[in-house]
Amino acid sequence: MSISTQKPILFYDNDCRFCRIVVGYWKHITGEHVEYRPCQTSVPQDSVRLEMPSGKHYTGAEAVFRTFAIAGTRRYWLWL
């Protein structure tokens, strides 16, 4: 799935209370650098998915660490 946008988009499971809480915190950290959207499928998503403007995508922990690196914060997590 390729999304046409200027910013990376992080998709998450909006049915999961934990995910909604964590995404609220991530929004605070990343500011306007990343767009957040709930997953639009009826099938539960097993991890977050980061869609880059180039069409590349990342899932799970790598998606989270890349999200922070894009925002210029906590870049060392991606390096680790």
N, C-alpha and C. Protein backbone atom coordinates (compact mmCIF):
# COMPACT_ATOMS: atom_id res chain seq x y z
N MET A 1 0.84 -1.17 0.00
CA MET A 1 0.00 0.00 0.00
C MET A 1 0.89 1.23 0.00
N SER A 2 0.71 2.08 -0.95
CA SER A 2 1.49 3.30 -1.03
C SER A 2 0.57 4.50 -0.82
N ILE A 3 0.96 5.37 0.06
CA ILE A 3 0.17 6.54 0.39
C ILE A 3 0.89 7.78 -0.15
N SER A 4 0.17 8.62 -0.87
CA SER A 4 0.77 9.84 -1.41
C SER A 4 0.57 10.97 -0.41
N THR A 5 1.65 11.41 0.19
CA THR A 5 1.60 12.50 1.16
C THR A 5 2.99 13.10 1.30
N GLN A 6 3.08 14.22 1.91
CA GLN A 6 4.37 14.86 2.14
C GLN A 6 5.03 14.34 3.41
N LYS A 7 4.23 13.81 4.33
CA LYS A 7 4.75 13.34 5.61
C LYS A 7 4.60 11.83 5.72
N PRO A 8 5.46 11.20 6.51
CA PRO A 8 5.25 9.78 6.81
C PRO A 8 3.94 9.62 7.59
N ILE A 9 3.30 8.47 7.44
CA ILE A 9 2.05 8.19 8.15
C ILE A 9 2.25 6.93 8.98
N LEU A 10 1.90 7.02 10.24
CA LEU A 10 1.95 5.85 11.12
C LEU A 10 0.52 5.36 11.33
N PHE A 11 0.25 4.12 10.89
CA PHE A 11 -1.05 3.49 11.08
C PHE A 11 -1.02 2.67 12.36
N TYR A 12 -2.12 2.71 13.10
CA TYR A 12 -2.20 1.98 14.37
C TYR A 12 -3.61 1.44 14.57
N ASP A 13 -3.75 0.52 15.51
CA ASP A 13 -5.03 -0.11 15.82
C ASP A 13 -5.81 0.79 16.77
N ASN A 14 -6.82 1.46 16.26
CA ASN A 14 -7.61 2.38 17.07
C ASN A 14 -8.55 1.67 18.04
N ASP A 15 -8.76 0.38 17.86
CA ASP A 15 -9.60 -0.40 18.78
C ASP A 15 -8.85 -0.76 20.05
N CYS A 16 -7.54 -0.63 20.02
CA CYS A 16 -6.69 -1.01 21.16
C CYS A 16 -6.48 0.22 22.06
N ARG A 17 -6.94 0.14 23.29
CA ARG A 17 -6.81 1.27 24.22
C ARG A 17 -5.34 1.62 24.45
N PHE A 18 -4.49 0.61 24.61
CA PHE A 18 -3.06 0.84 24.81
C PHE A 18 -2.48 1.61 23.62
N CYS A 19 -2.83 1.20 22.41
CA CYS A 19 -2.32 1.86 21.20
C CYS A 19 -2.73 3.33 21.17
N ARG A 20 -3.98 3.62 21.51
CA ARG A 20 -4.45 5.01 21.51
C ARG A 20 -3.67 5.86 22.51
N ILE A 21 -3.40 5.29 23.69
CA ILE A 21 -2.65 6.03 24.71
C ILE A 21 -1.22 6.30 24.25
N VAL A 22 -0.57 5.26 23.73
CA VAL A 22 0.81 5.38 23.28
C VAL A 22 0.92 6.34 22.10
N VAL A 23 0.01 6.27 21.17
CA VAL A 23 0.04 7.16 20.01
C VAL A 23 -0.14 8.62 20.45
N GLY A 24 -0.96 8.85 21.46
CA GLY A 24 -1.10 10.20 22.01
C GLY A 24 0.24 10.73 22.51
N TYR A 25 0.99 9.88 23.17
CA TYR A 25 2.33 10.25 23.67
C TYR A 25 3.28 10.49 22.50
N TRP A 26 3.25 9.62 21.50
CA TRP A 26 4.13 9.76 20.35
C TRP A 26 3.84 11.06 19.60
N LYS A 27 2.56 11.42 19.49
CA LYS A 27 2.21 12.67 18.82
C LYS A 27 2.86 13.86 19.53
N HIS A 28 2.89 13.80 20.83
CA HIS A 28 3.52 14.86 21.61
C HIS A 28 5.02 14.95 21.30
N ILE A 29 5.66 13.80 21.15
CA ILE A 29 7.11 13.75 20.89
C ILE A 29 7.44 14.19 19.45
N THR A 30 6.65 13.74 18.48
CA THR A 30 6.99 13.96 17.07
C THR A 30 6.42 15.24 16.48
N GLY A 31 5.47 15.84 17.16
CA GLY A 31 4.89 17.09 16.65
C GLY A 31 4.28 16.92 15.28
N GLU A 32 4.59 17.84 14.38
CA GLU A 32 4.01 17.85 13.04
C GLU A 32 4.81 17.05 12.01
N HIS A 33 5.83 16.33 12.44
CA HIS A 33 6.69 15.60 11.51
C HIS A 33 6.06 14.33 10.97
N VAL A 34 5.12 13.77 11.71
CA VAL A 34 4.51 12.49 11.33
C VAL A 34 3.00 12.61 11.46
N GLU A 35 2.28 12.03 10.50
CA GLU A 35 0.82 11.98 10.57
C GLU A 35 0.42 10.63 11.16
N TYR A 36 -0.63 10.60 11.95
CA TYR A 36 -1.10 9.37 12.58
C TYR A 36 -2.52 9.08 12.10
N ARG A 37 -2.75 7.82 11.71
CA ARG A 37 -4.08 7.43 11.26
C ARG A 37 -4.42 6.06 11.84
N PRO A 38 -5.67 5.92 12.27
CA PRO A 38 -6.08 4.58 12.72
C PRO A 38 -6.18 3.65 11.52
N CYS A 39 -5.92 2.39 11.76
CA CYS A 39 -6.02 1.37 10.72
C CYS A 39 -7.47 1.30 10.26
N GLN A 40 -7.70 1.23 8.97
CA GLN A 40 -9.06 1.27 8.42
C GLN A 40 -9.62 -0.11 8.07
N THR A 41 -8.95 -1.17 8.44
CA THR A 41 -9.44 -2.50 8.10
C THR A 41 -10.25 -3.07 9.26
N SER A 42 -11.08 -4.05 8.96
CA SER A 42 -11.87 -4.70 10.01
C SER A 42 -11.05 -5.78 10.71
N VAL A 43 -9.91 -6.13 10.14
CA VAL A 43 -9.03 -7.12 10.74
C VAL A 43 -8.07 -6.40 11.68
N PRO A 44 -7.96 -6.83 12.94
CA PRO A 44 -7.04 -6.16 13.86
C PRO A 44 -5.61 -6.15 13.33
N GLN A 45 -4.95 -5.04 13.51
CA GLN A 45 -3.57 -4.88 13.07
C GLN A 45 -2.67 -5.40 14.18
N ASP A 46 -1.67 -6.22 13.83
CA ASP A 46 -0.83 -6.80 14.87
C ASP A 46 0.35 -5.91 15.26
N SER A 47 0.60 -4.85 14.52
CA SER A 47 1.66 -3.91 14.89
C SER A 47 1.44 -2.60 14.14
N VAL A 48 2.15 -1.59 14.56
CA VAL A 48 2.07 -0.31 13.85
C VAL A 48 2.75 -0.44 12.50
N ARG A 49 2.39 0.44 11.58
CA ARG A 49 2.98 0.42 10.24
C ARG A 49 3.27 1.86 9.85
N LEU A 50 4.52 2.12 9.50
CA LEU A 50 4.95 3.45 9.07
C LEU A 50 5.09 3.45 7.56
N GLU A 51 4.30 4.31 6.90
CA GLU A 51 4.36 4.47 5.44
C GLU A 51 5.14 5.73 5.13
N MET A 52 6.20 5.59 4.36
CA MET A 52 7.04 6.72 3.99
C MET A 52 6.50 7.34 2.69
N PRO A 53 6.75 8.63 2.45
CA PRO A 53 6.32 9.26 1.20
C PRO A 53 6.87 8.56 -0.05
N SER A 54 8.02 7.91 0.08
CA SER A 54 8.63 7.21 -1.05
C SER A 54 7.93 5.91 -1.39
N GLY A 55 7.03 5.45 -0.51
CA GLY A 55 6.35 4.18 -0.73
C GLY A 55 6.90 3.05 0.13
N LYS A 56 8.07 3.26 0.72
CA LYS A 56 8.63 2.25 1.62
C LYS A 56 7.78 2.20 2.89
N HIS A 57 7.80 1.04 3.54
CA HIS A 57 7.07 0.93 4.79
C HIS A 57 7.86 0.10 5.79
N TYR A 58 7.56 0.31 7.06
CA TYR A 58 8.21 -0.38 8.17
C TYR A 58 7.13 -0.77 9.16
N THR A 59 7.34 -1.86 9.88
CA THR A 59 6.37 -2.31 10.86
C THR A 59 7.05 -2.55 12.21
N GLY A 60 6.21 -2.65 13.23
CA GLY A 60 6.69 -3.00 14.56
C GLY A 60 7.65 -1.99 15.15
N ALA A 61 8.63 -2.51 15.88
CA ALA A 61 9.60 -1.66 16.58
C ALA A 61 10.36 -0.75 15.62
N GLU A 62 10.72 -1.26 14.45
CA GLU A 62 11.44 -0.42 13.50
C GLU A 62 10.59 0.79 13.08
N ALA A 63 9.31 0.59 12.92
CA ALA A 63 8.41 1.71 12.59
C ALA A 63 8.42 2.76 13.70
N VAL A 64 8.38 2.32 14.94
CA VAL A 64 8.39 3.24 16.07
C VAL A 64 9.70 4.01 16.13
N PHE A 65 10.82 3.30 16.03
CA PHE A 65 12.12 3.94 16.12
C PHE A 65 12.35 4.91 14.96
N ARG A 66 11.91 4.55 13.76
CA ARG A 66 12.04 5.44 12.61
C ARG A 66 11.15 6.68 12.78
N THR A 67 9.99 6.51 13.39
CA THR A 67 9.10 7.63 13.64
C THR A 67 9.80 8.67 14.52
N PHE A 68 10.43 8.22 15.58
CA PHE A 68 11.15 9.14 16.46
C PHE A 68 12.34 9.77 15.74
N ALA A 69 13.06 9.00 14.93
CA ALA A 69 14.22 9.53 14.20
C ALA A 69 13.79 10.60 13.20
N ILE A 70 12.66 10.40 12.54
CA ILE A 70 12.14 11.39 11.59
C ILE A 70 11.89 12.71 12.28
N ALA A 71 11.39 12.62 13.50
CA ALA A 71 11.07 13.83 14.26
C ALA A 71 12.31 14.46 14.87
N GLY A 72 13.46 13.80 14.75
CA GLY A 72 14.70 14.35 15.28
C GLY A 72 14.90 14.07 16.76
N THR A 73 14.12 13.17 17.31
CA THR A 73 14.26 12.82 18.72
C THR A 73 14.55 11.34 18.86
N ARG A 74 15.30 11.01 19.85
CA ARG A 74 15.60 9.62 20.19
C ARG A 74 16.13 8.82 18.99
N ARG A 75 16.96 9.44 18.18
CA ARG A 75 17.53 8.77 17.01
C ARG A 75 18.36 7.55 17.39
N TYR A 76 18.92 7.58 18.59
CA TYR A 76 19.77 6.45 19.02
C TYR A 76 18.99 5.14 19.09
N TRP A 77 17.68 5.18 19.30
CA TRP A 77 16.90 3.94 19.34
C TRP A 77 16.98 3.22 18.00
N LEU A 78 16.91 3.96 16.91
CA LEU A 78 17.00 3.35 15.59
C LEU A 78 18.40 2.79 15.37
N TRP A 79 19.40 3.51 15.82
CA TRP A 79 20.78 3.04 15.68
C TRP A 79 20.99 1.73 16.43
N LEU A 80 20.42 1.64 17.64
CA LEU A 80 20.58 0.42 18.45
C LEU A 80 19.95 -0.75 17.75
